[in-house]
Amino acid sequence: MLILPARSLGCGRIRPQSSVQGWKLAEKALDATDRRIVAVLQVEGRLTIQELAERCGLSSSPCLRRVRALEASGIIKGYAAVIDQARVGLPVSVFVSVKLERQREEALDHFEATIGRWPEVMDCYLMTGQRDYLLRVVVRDIEAYERFLKDKLTRLEGVASIESSFALGQVKRSSELPIG
């Protein structure tokens, strides 16, 4: 099964048949110009169509058509500002490994639906190996993480075990896919 990053509103498992085929179709559909548009927008999402067109060697109308097609196909899922989490009072990142009591679809769905409603959970991945999920949780301090753990995660039905690792610092962060 191909596992891709969680959707913005929750964990959301990617189904093997349709997602793998869809990914391959999207990969084939991108020509060099589309790849250039995506690469430029990943770095500078606030460019005007005119600026984007100039950087990609197009005129505005064809560039706009391509951007709209990339958005409609789901290749471009949205636009967002990159926020410095420390400057907004959320300097602590905790990576949390979760093992469920059962790996049945109902248990996975329940876990994912619940996690998807918690704003502290920034990322959630369904994993292979010893643990079922890996979460990235952001909080303002250790006490806030303790409250999250006690009030939410440990009370979630079906959770067998939890391991937390605190990030000491961020070495690299990127939202740019290696489209190349």
N, C-alpha and C. Protein backbone atom coordinates (compact mmCIF):
# COMPACT_ATOMS: atom_id res chain seq x y z
N MET A 1 0.84 -1.17 0.00
CA MET A 1 0.00 0.00 0.00
C MET A 1 0.89 1.24 0.00
N LEU A 2 0.56 2.23 -0.80
CA LEU A 2 1.27 3.50 -0.84
C LEU A 2 0.66 4.41 0.21
N ILE A 3 1.48 4.93 1.12
CA ILE A 3 1.00 5.84 2.16
C ILE A 3 1.53 7.23 1.84
N LEU A 4 0.62 8.17 1.74
CA LEU A 4 0.97 9.55 1.46
C LEU A 4 0.66 10.39 2.68
N PRO A 5 1.16 11.64 2.76
CA PRO A 5 0.88 12.49 3.92
C PRO A 5 -0.61 12.67 4.14
N ALA A 6 -0.95 12.86 5.39
CA ALA A 6 -2.33 13.04 5.77
C ALA A 6 -2.94 14.27 5.13
N ARG A 7 -4.24 14.20 4.93
CA ARG A 7 -4.95 15.38 4.43
C ARG A 7 -5.00 16.41 5.53
N SER A 8 -5.29 17.65 5.15
CA SER A 8 -5.21 18.74 6.12
C SER A 8 -6.21 18.62 7.26
N LEU A 9 -7.34 17.97 7.10
CA LEU A 9 -8.33 17.89 8.17
C LEU A 9 -8.32 16.55 8.90
N GLY A 10 -7.26 15.79 8.79
CA GLY A 10 -7.20 14.55 9.53
C GLY A 10 -6.21 13.60 8.94
N CYS A 11 -6.20 12.42 9.51
CA CYS A 11 -5.26 11.41 9.05
C CYS A 11 -5.60 10.98 7.64
N GLY A 12 -6.69 10.30 7.49
CA GLY A 12 -7.14 9.88 6.18
C GLY A 12 -6.21 8.91 5.49
N ARG A 13 -6.55 7.63 5.53
CA ARG A 13 -5.75 6.65 4.82
C ARG A 13 -5.97 6.79 3.33
N ILE A 14 -4.96 6.50 2.58
CA ILE A 14 -5.04 6.51 1.13
C ILE A 14 -5.34 5.09 0.70
N ARG A 15 -6.40 4.89 -0.03
CA ARG A 15 -6.78 3.55 -0.48
C ARG A 15 -5.81 3.09 -1.57
N PRO A 16 -5.38 1.84 -1.53
CA PRO A 16 -4.32 1.38 -2.44
C PRO A 16 -4.66 1.42 -3.92
N GLN A 17 -5.82 0.93 -4.33
CA GLN A 17 -6.09 0.83 -5.76
C GLN A 17 -6.17 2.19 -6.45
N SER A 18 -7.11 3.00 -6.03
CA SER A 18 -7.35 4.26 -6.74
C SER A 18 -6.21 5.26 -6.56
N SER A 19 -5.64 5.34 -5.36
CA SER A 19 -4.61 6.36 -5.13
C SER A 19 -3.33 6.08 -5.90
N VAL A 20 -2.92 4.83 -5.97
CA VAL A 20 -1.70 4.52 -6.71
C VAL A 20 -1.91 4.81 -8.19
N GLN A 21 -3.04 4.39 -8.72
CA GLN A 21 -3.32 4.67 -10.12
C GLN A 21 -3.44 6.17 -10.37
N GLY A 22 -4.14 6.88 -9.47
CA GLY A 22 -4.29 8.33 -9.61
C GLY A 22 -2.96 9.04 -9.56
N TRP A 23 -2.09 8.58 -8.68
CA TRP A 23 -0.76 9.19 -8.56
C TRP A 23 0.01 8.99 -9.85
N LYS A 24 -0.04 7.79 -10.42
CA LYS A 24 0.69 7.52 -11.65
C LYS A 24 0.12 8.36 -12.80
N LEU A 25 -1.21 8.50 -12.85
CA LEU A 25 -1.81 9.31 -13.90
C LEU A 25 -1.40 10.77 -13.76
N ALA A 26 -1.39 11.28 -12.52
CA ALA A 26 -0.98 12.67 -12.31
C ALA A 26 0.47 12.85 -12.70
N GLU A 27 1.31 11.86 -12.36
CA GLU A 27 2.73 11.94 -12.69
C GLU A 27 2.92 12.02 -14.20
N LYS A 28 2.21 11.20 -14.97
CA LYS A 28 2.33 11.19 -16.43
C LYS A 28 1.78 12.48 -17.04
N ALA A 29 0.73 13.02 -16.43
CA ALA A 29 0.05 14.18 -17.00
C ALA A 29 0.87 15.46 -16.93
N LEU A 30 1.86 15.50 -16.06
CA LEU A 30 2.65 16.71 -15.91
C LEU A 30 3.74 16.78 -16.98
N ASP A 31 3.62 17.76 -17.86
CA ASP A 31 4.70 17.97 -18.82
C ASP A 31 5.72 18.93 -18.19
N ALA A 32 6.73 19.26 -18.91
CA ALA A 32 7.81 20.11 -18.38
C ALA A 32 7.29 21.47 -17.92
N THR A 33 6.36 22.04 -18.66
CA THR A 33 5.81 23.36 -18.29
C THR A 33 5.00 23.27 -17.01
N ASP A 34 4.17 22.22 -16.88
CA ASP A 34 3.40 22.02 -15.66
C ASP A 34 4.33 21.84 -14.46
N ARG A 35 5.40 21.08 -14.67
CA ARG A 35 6.37 20.86 -13.59
C ARG A 35 7.02 22.18 -13.17
N ARG A 36 7.33 23.02 -14.13
CA ARG A 36 7.93 24.32 -13.83
C ARG A 36 6.95 25.20 -13.06
N ILE A 37 5.69 25.21 -13.48
CA ILE A 37 4.66 25.99 -12.77
C ILE A 37 4.55 25.53 -11.33
N VAL A 38 4.47 24.21 -11.12
CA VAL A 38 4.34 23.67 -9.77
C VAL A 38 5.59 23.99 -8.94
N ALA A 39 6.75 23.84 -9.55
CA ALA A 39 8.01 24.11 -8.82
C ALA A 39 8.07 25.57 -8.39
N VAL A 40 7.70 26.49 -9.25
CA VAL A 40 7.73 27.92 -8.91
C VAL A 40 6.70 28.24 -7.84
N LEU A 41 5.48 27.70 -7.97
CA LEU A 41 4.43 27.99 -6.99
C LEU A 41 4.74 27.40 -5.62
N GLN A 42 5.47 26.30 -5.55
CA GLN A 42 5.84 25.74 -4.26
C GLN A 42 6.72 26.70 -3.46
N VAL A 43 7.53 27.49 -4.17
CA VAL A 43 8.44 28.42 -3.52
C VAL A 43 7.77 29.77 -3.29
N GLU A 44 7.00 30.21 -4.27
CA GLU A 44 6.37 31.53 -4.21
C GLU A 44 4.92 31.46 -4.65
N GLY A 45 4.06 31.06 -3.73
CA GLY A 45 2.65 30.86 -4.03
C GLY A 45 1.85 32.13 -4.22
N ARG A 46 2.45 33.30 -3.93
CA ARG A 46 1.71 34.56 -4.05
C ARG A 46 2.00 35.31 -5.34
N LEU A 47 2.70 34.68 -6.26
CA LEU A 47 2.98 35.36 -7.53
C LEU A 47 1.69 35.64 -8.28
N THR A 48 1.67 36.75 -9.01
CA THR A 48 0.54 36.98 -9.90
C THR A 48 0.68 36.04 -11.09
N ILE A 49 -0.39 35.86 -11.83
CA ILE A 49 -0.32 35.01 -13.02
C ILE A 49 0.69 35.58 -14.00
N GLN A 50 0.75 36.88 -14.12
CA GLN A 50 1.72 37.51 -15.03
C GLN A 50 3.15 37.17 -14.63
N GLU A 51 3.47 37.30 -13.34
CA GLU A 51 4.82 36.97 -12.85
C GLU A 51 5.13 35.49 -13.04
N LEU A 52 4.15 34.64 -12.75
CA LEU A 52 4.34 33.20 -12.92
C LEU A 52 4.57 32.86 -14.39
N ALA A 53 3.77 33.47 -15.25
CA ALA A 53 3.89 33.22 -16.69
C ALA A 53 5.28 33.62 -17.20
N GLU A 54 5.77 34.76 -16.75
CA GLU A 54 7.11 35.21 -17.17
C GLU A 54 8.18 34.22 -16.73
N ARG A 55 8.09 33.72 -15.51
CA ARG A 55 9.09 32.78 -15.01
C ARG A 55 9.03 31.43 -15.71
N CYS A 56 7.87 31.12 -16.26
CA CYS A 56 7.69 29.81 -16.91
C CYS A 56 7.74 29.89 -18.43
N GLY A 57 7.99 31.08 -18.96
CA GLY A 57 8.09 31.23 -20.40
C GLY A 57 6.77 31.10 -21.13
N LEU A 58 5.70 31.57 -20.51
CA LEU A 58 4.36 31.52 -21.11
C LEU A 58 3.76 32.91 -21.14
N SER A 59 2.68 33.05 -21.88
CA SER A 59 1.88 34.27 -21.74
C SER A 59 0.84 34.00 -20.65
N SER A 60 0.17 35.04 -20.20
CA SER A 60 -0.73 34.94 -19.04
C SER A 60 -1.88 33.96 -19.23
N SER A 61 -2.55 34.02 -20.37
CA SER A 61 -3.74 33.17 -20.57
C SER A 61 -3.43 31.68 -20.52
N PRO A 62 -2.43 31.19 -21.27
CA PRO A 62 -2.11 29.76 -21.17
C PRO A 62 -1.62 29.36 -19.77
N CYS A 63 -0.91 30.26 -19.11
CA CYS A 63 -0.44 29.98 -17.76
C CYS A 63 -1.63 29.84 -16.82
N LEU A 64 -2.58 30.74 -16.90
CA LEU A 64 -3.76 30.68 -16.06
C LEU A 64 -4.55 29.40 -16.32
N ARG A 65 -4.70 29.01 -17.58
CA ARG A 65 -5.40 27.77 -17.93
C ARG A 65 -4.71 26.56 -17.29
N ARG A 66 -3.39 26.54 -17.37
CA ARG A 66 -2.63 25.42 -16.79
C ARG A 66 -2.77 25.39 -15.26
N VAL A 67 -2.69 26.56 -14.62
CA VAL A 67 -2.84 26.61 -13.16
C VAL A 67 -4.22 26.11 -12.77
N ARG A 68 -5.24 26.57 -13.46
CA ARG A 68 -6.61 26.12 -13.15
C ARG A 68 -6.77 24.62 -13.37
N ALA A 69 -6.14 24.08 -14.42
CA ALA A 69 -6.19 22.64 -14.67
C ALA A 69 -5.46 21.87 -13.57
N LEU A 70 -4.33 22.39 -13.10
CA LEU A 70 -3.59 21.75 -12.00
C LEU A 70 -4.41 21.78 -10.71
N GLU A 71 -5.13 22.87 -10.48
CA GLU A 71 -6.00 22.96 -9.31
C GLU A 71 -7.17 21.99 -9.44
N ALA A 72 -7.81 21.97 -10.61
CA ALA A 72 -8.97 21.10 -10.83
C ALA A 72 -8.61 19.62 -10.71
N SER A 73 -7.41 19.25 -11.13
CA SER A 73 -6.98 17.85 -11.05
C SER A 73 -6.57 17.44 -9.64
N GLY A 74 -6.43 18.42 -8.74
CA GLY A 74 -6.02 18.11 -7.38
C GLY A 74 -4.51 18.09 -7.18
N ILE A 75 -3.75 18.34 -8.24
CA ILE A 75 -2.29 18.40 -8.08
C ILE A 75 -1.94 19.59 -7.20
N ILE A 76 -2.54 20.74 -7.46
CA ILE A 76 -2.44 21.89 -6.55
C ILE A 76 -3.66 21.80 -5.65
N LYS A 77 -3.43 21.52 -4.36
CA LYS A 77 -4.53 21.32 -3.42
C LYS A 77 -4.96 22.60 -2.73
N GLY A 78 -4.13 23.63 -2.75
CA GLY A 78 -4.47 24.88 -2.08
C GLY A 78 -3.25 25.74 -1.92
N TYR A 79 -3.41 26.85 -1.25
CA TYR A 79 -2.34 27.80 -1.02
C TYR A 79 -2.34 28.16 0.46
N ALA A 80 -1.17 28.32 1.04
CA ALA A 80 -1.10 28.61 2.47
C ALA A 80 0.16 29.42 2.78
N ALA A 81 0.09 30.17 3.87
CA ALA A 81 1.26 30.88 4.38
C ALA A 81 2.04 29.93 5.27
N VAL A 82 3.35 30.03 5.27
CA VAL A 82 4.19 29.24 6.16
C VAL A 82 4.41 30.08 7.42
N ILE A 83 3.96 29.55 8.55
CA ILE A 83 3.98 30.29 9.81
C ILE A 83 5.10 29.76 10.70
N ASP A 84 5.81 30.66 11.36
CA ASP A 84 6.84 30.28 12.32
C ASP A 84 6.13 29.89 13.61
N GLN A 85 6.14 28.60 13.92
CA GLN A 85 5.36 28.13 15.07
C GLN A 85 5.85 28.70 16.40
N ALA A 86 7.13 28.95 16.54
CA ALA A 86 7.64 29.53 17.79
C ALA A 86 7.14 30.96 17.98
N ARG A 87 7.08 31.73 16.90
CA ARG A 87 6.65 33.13 17.00
C ARG A 87 5.17 33.29 17.28
N VAL A 88 4.40 32.23 17.09
CA VAL A 88 2.98 32.29 17.44
C VAL A 88 2.69 31.54 18.74
N GLY A 89 3.76 31.28 19.50
CA GLY A 89 3.59 30.70 20.82
C GLY A 89 3.44 29.19 20.88
N LEU A 90 3.89 28.48 19.84
CA LEU A 90 3.80 27.02 19.82
C LEU A 90 5.17 26.42 19.49
N PRO A 91 6.16 26.63 20.36
CA PRO A 91 7.53 26.23 20.02
C PRO A 91 7.84 24.74 20.17
N VAL A 92 6.96 23.98 20.82
CA VAL A 92 7.26 22.58 21.12
C VAL A 92 6.62 21.65 20.08
N SER A 93 7.46 20.82 19.47
CA SER A 93 6.98 19.77 18.56
C SER A 93 7.24 18.43 19.22
N VAL A 94 6.21 17.61 19.25
CA VAL A 94 6.32 16.28 19.84
C VAL A 94 5.92 15.26 18.78
N PHE A 95 6.77 14.26 18.59
CA PHE A 95 6.45 13.17 17.67
C PHE A 95 5.93 12.03 18.51
N VAL A 96 4.72 11.59 18.20
CA VAL A 96 4.02 10.62 19.02
C VAL A 96 3.74 9.37 18.20
N SER A 97 4.26 8.23 18.68
CA SER A 97 3.98 6.94 18.06
C SER A 97 2.83 6.29 18.82
N VAL A 98 1.83 5.84 18.08
CA VAL A 98 0.65 5.26 18.70
C VAL A 98 0.44 3.85 18.17
N LYS A 99 0.21 2.93 19.08
CA LYS A 99 -0.14 1.56 18.72
C LYS A 99 -1.58 1.35 19.16
N LEU A 100 -2.39 0.81 18.25
CA LEU A 100 -3.78 0.52 18.57
C LEU A 100 -3.92 -0.91 19.08
N GLU A 101 -5.00 -1.16 19.82
CA GLU A 101 -5.28 -2.51 20.29
C GLU A 101 -5.60 -3.43 19.13
N ARG A 102 -6.31 -2.89 18.15
CA ARG A 102 -6.70 -3.67 16.96
C ARG A 102 -6.43 -2.84 15.72
N GLN A 103 -6.08 -3.51 14.63
CA GLN A 103 -5.84 -2.81 13.36
C GLN A 103 -6.98 -3.07 12.37
N ARG A 104 -8.17 -3.19 12.88
CA ARG A 104 -9.34 -3.38 12.01
C ARG A 104 -9.75 -2.03 11.44
N GLU A 105 -10.41 -2.08 10.30
CA GLU A 105 -10.79 -0.84 9.61
C GLU A 105 -11.62 0.08 10.49
N GLU A 106 -12.55 -0.47 11.27
CA GLU A 106 -13.38 0.37 12.13
C GLU A 106 -12.53 1.11 13.17
N ALA A 107 -11.55 0.42 13.73
CA ALA A 107 -10.68 1.04 14.73
C ALA A 107 -9.82 2.13 14.10
N LEU A 108 -9.30 1.85 12.90
CA LEU A 108 -8.50 2.85 12.19
C LEU A 108 -9.35 4.08 11.86
N ASP A 109 -10.55 3.84 11.35
CA ASP A 109 -11.44 4.95 11.00
C ASP A 109 -11.79 5.80 12.22
N HIS A 110 -12.08 5.15 13.34
CA HIS A 110 -12.42 5.88 14.57
C HIS A 110 -11.23 6.73 15.03
N PHE A 111 -10.05 6.14 15.05
CA PHE A 111 -8.86 6.87 15.46
C PHE A 111 -8.64 8.08 14.56
N GLU A 112 -8.68 7.87 13.26
CA GLU A 112 -8.42 8.94 12.29
C GLU A 112 -9.46 10.06 12.38
N ALA A 113 -10.72 9.71 12.54
CA ALA A 113 -11.76 10.73 12.64
C ALA A 113 -11.56 11.59 13.89
N THR A 114 -11.19 10.95 14.99
CA THR A 114 -10.99 11.69 16.23
C THR A 114 -9.75 12.57 16.14
N ILE A 115 -8.65 12.02 15.70
CA ILE A 115 -7.40 12.79 15.57
C ILE A 115 -7.60 13.99 14.64
N GLY A 116 -8.39 13.80 13.60
CA GLY A 116 -8.64 14.86 12.63
C GLY A 116 -9.31 16.09 13.22
N ARG A 117 -9.94 15.94 14.36
CA ARG A 117 -10.61 17.08 15.01
C ARG A 117 -9.72 17.81 16.00
N TRP A 118 -8.54 17.29 16.27
CA TRP A 118 -7.67 17.90 17.28
C TRP A 118 -6.69 18.85 16.62
N PRO A 119 -6.78 20.15 16.91
CA PRO A 119 -5.91 21.13 16.25
C PRO A 119 -4.43 20.99 16.59
N GLU A 120 -4.10 20.37 17.71
CA GLU A 120 -2.70 20.21 18.08
C GLU A 120 -1.96 19.24 17.15
N VAL A 121 -2.72 18.34 16.53
CA VAL A 121 -2.12 17.33 15.65
C VAL A 121 -1.92 17.96 14.27
N MET A 122 -0.68 18.22 13.93
CA MET A 122 -0.36 18.87 12.66
C MET A 122 -0.25 17.86 11.52
N ASP A 123 0.31 16.69 11.81
CA ASP A 123 0.50 15.64 10.80
C ASP A 123 0.15 14.30 11.43
N CYS A 124 -0.35 13.40 10.62
CA CYS A 124 -0.67 12.06 11.08
C CYS A 124 -0.41 11.10 9.93
N TYR A 125 0.36 10.07 10.19
CA TYR A 125 0.70 9.08 9.18
C TYR A 125 0.34 7.69 9.67
N LEU A 126 -0.26 6.90 8.83
CA LEU A 126 -0.45 5.48 9.07
C LEU A 126 0.86 4.82 8.73
N MET A 127 1.38 3.99 9.64
CA MET A 127 2.74 3.47 9.51
C MET A 127 2.78 1.95 9.38
N THR A 128 3.91 1.46 8.88
CA THR A 128 4.23 0.05 8.96
C THR A 128 5.15 -0.14 10.16
N GLY A 129 5.36 -1.37 10.59
CA GLY A 129 6.29 -1.62 11.68
C GLY A 129 5.61 -1.77 13.02
N GLN A 130 6.33 -1.45 14.08
CA GLN A 130 5.89 -1.66 15.46
C GLN A 130 4.69 -0.81 15.85
N ARG A 131 4.59 0.38 15.30
CA ARG A 131 3.53 1.33 15.67
C ARG A 131 2.58 1.52 14.50
N ASP A 132 1.35 1.91 14.82
CA ASP A 132 0.34 2.09 13.79
C ASP A 132 0.31 3.50 13.22
N TYR A 133 0.54 4.50 14.07
CA TYR A 133 0.48 5.90 13.63
C TYR A 133 1.66 6.69 14.17
N LEU A 134 2.06 7.68 13.40
CA LEU A 134 3.03 8.67 13.85
C LEU A 134 2.38 10.03 13.72
N LEU A 135 2.34 10.77 14.82
CA LEU A 135 1.73 12.10 14.85
C LEU A 135 2.81 13.14 15.12
N ARG A 136 2.60 14.33 14.57
CA ARG A 136 3.39 15.49 14.98
C ARG A 136 2.42 16.44 15.67
N VAL A 137 2.69 16.69 16.94
CA VAL A 137 1.82 17.52 17.77
C VAL A 137 2.59 18.79 18.13
N VAL A 138 1.95 19.95 18.02
CA VAL A 138 2.58 21.20 18.43
C VAL A 138 1.81 21.80 19.60
N VAL A 139 2.59 22.27 20.58
CA VAL A 139 2.01 22.86 21.79
C VAL A 139 2.93 23.98 22.28
N ARG A 140 2.44 24.75 23.25
CA ARG A 140 3.25 25.87 23.73
C ARG A 140 4.30 25.47 24.75
N ASP A 141 4.04 24.38 25.50
CA ASP A 141 5.02 23.94 26.50
C ASP A 141 4.74 22.49 26.90
N ILE A 142 5.58 21.97 27.78
CA ILE A 142 5.45 20.57 28.21
C ILE A 142 4.14 20.35 28.96
N GLU A 143 3.72 21.34 29.73
CA GLU A 143 2.46 21.21 30.46
C GLU A 143 1.28 21.10 29.50
N ALA A 144 1.32 21.85 28.42
CA ALA A 144 0.24 21.77 27.42
C ALA A 144 0.22 20.39 26.76
N TYR A 145 1.41 19.82 26.52
CA TYR A 145 1.45 18.47 25.95
C TYR A 145 0.91 17.45 26.95
N GLU A 146 1.25 17.63 28.22
CA GLU A 146 0.74 16.71 29.25
C GLU A 146 -0.79 16.75 29.29
N ARG A 147 -1.38 17.95 29.18
CA ARG A 147 -2.85 18.07 29.15
C ARG A 147 -3.41 17.39 27.91
N PHE A 148 -2.77 17.59 26.73
CA PHE A 148 -3.21 16.94 25.50
C PHE A 148 -3.18 15.42 25.68
N LEU A 149 -2.10 14.92 26.25
CA LEU A 149 -1.93 13.49 26.45
C LEU A 149 -2.99 12.93 27.40
N LYS A 150 -3.15 13.58 28.57
CA LYS A 150 -4.09 13.08 29.58
C LYS A 150 -5.55 13.29 29.20
N ASP A 151 -5.86 14.46 28.63
CA ASP A 151 -7.26 14.79 28.35
C ASP A 151 -7.77 14.23 27.02
N LYS A 152 -6.87 13.95 26.10
CA LYS A 152 -7.32 13.51 24.78
C LYS A 152 -6.77 12.14 24.39
N LEU A 153 -5.49 12.06 24.18
CA LEU A 153 -4.92 10.85 23.55
C LEU A 153 -5.08 9.59 24.41
N THR A 154 -4.82 9.69 25.71
CA THR A 154 -4.96 8.49 26.56
C THR A 154 -6.41 8.09 26.78
N ARG A 155 -7.33 8.99 26.51
CA ARG A 155 -8.76 8.69 26.66
C ARG A 155 -9.38 8.14 25.38
N LEU A 156 -8.62 8.13 24.32
CA LEU A 156 -9.15 7.68 23.03
C LEU A 156 -9.28 6.16 23.04
N GLU A 157 -10.48 5.69 22.80
CA GLU A 157 -10.76 4.26 22.80
C GLU A 157 -9.92 3.54 21.74
N GLY A 158 -9.35 2.41 22.14
CA GLY A 158 -8.60 1.58 21.21
C GLY A 158 -7.11 1.81 21.19
N VAL A 159 -6.63 2.80 21.96
CA VAL A 159 -5.19 3.06 21.99
C VAL A 159 -4.53 2.10 22.99
N ALA A 160 -3.55 1.33 22.51
CA ALA A 160 -2.86 0.36 23.36
C ALA A 160 -1.63 0.98 24.02
N SER A 161 -0.85 1.75 23.25
CA SER A 161 0.35 2.36 23.82
C SER A 161 0.73 3.62 23.06
N ILE A 162 1.47 4.48 23.77
CA ILE A 162 1.88 5.78 23.24
C ILE A 162 3.35 6.00 23.60
N GLU A 163 4.14 6.44 22.63
CA GLU A 163 5.53 6.85 22.89
C GLU A 163 5.71 8.26 22.37
N SER A 164 6.26 9.14 23.19
CA SER A 164 6.46 10.53 22.81
C SER A 164 7.94 10.85 22.71
N SER A 165 8.31 11.60 21.67
CA SER A 165 9.68 12.08 21.51
C SER A 165 9.61 13.58 21.25
N PHE A 166 10.34 14.34 22.06
CA PHE A 166 10.34 15.79 21.92
C PHE A 166 11.45 16.22 20.97
N ALA A 167 11.11 17.06 20.02
CA ALA A 167 12.11 17.59 19.09
C ALA A 167 12.94 18.64 19.82
N LEU A 168 14.25 18.52 19.72
CA LEU A 168 15.15 19.50 20.34
C LEU A 168 15.36 20.71 19.45
N GLY A 169 15.25 20.52 18.17
CA GLY A 169 15.41 21.59 17.20
C GLY A 169 15.02 21.10 15.82
N GLN A 170 14.75 22.02 14.95
CA GLN A 170 14.37 21.68 13.58
C GLN A 170 15.57 21.90 12.68
N VAL A 171 16.01 20.85 12.04
CA VAL A 171 17.17 20.91 11.16
C VAL A 171 16.75 21.30 9.76
N LYS A 172 15.64 20.75 9.29
CA LYS A 172 15.14 21.06 7.96
C LYS A 172 13.63 20.96 7.97
N ARG A 173 12.99 21.86 7.26
CA ARG A 173 11.56 21.80 7.03
C ARG A 173 11.33 22.24 5.61
N SER A 174 10.55 21.48 4.89
CA SER A 174 10.27 21.85 3.52
C SER A 174 8.86 21.44 3.14
N SER A 175 8.22 22.25 2.35
CA SER A 175 6.93 21.88 1.79
C SER A 175 7.05 21.73 0.28
N GLU A 176 8.29 21.80 -0.19
CA GLU A 176 8.56 21.69 -1.63
C GLU A 176 8.86 20.25 -2.00
N LEU A 177 8.00 19.68 -2.83
CA LEU A 177 8.24 18.33 -3.34
C LEU A 177 9.33 18.37 -4.40
N PRO A 178 10.15 17.34 -4.51
CA PRO A 178 11.20 17.32 -5.53
C PRO A 178 10.64 16.99 -6.92
N ILE A 179 9.89 17.93 -7.48
CA ILE A 179 9.20 17.74 -8.76
C ILE A 179 10.17 17.53 -9.91
N GLY A 180 11.25 18.32 -9.91
CA GLY A 180 12.32 18.26 -10.90
C GLY A 180 12.00 17.90 -12.23
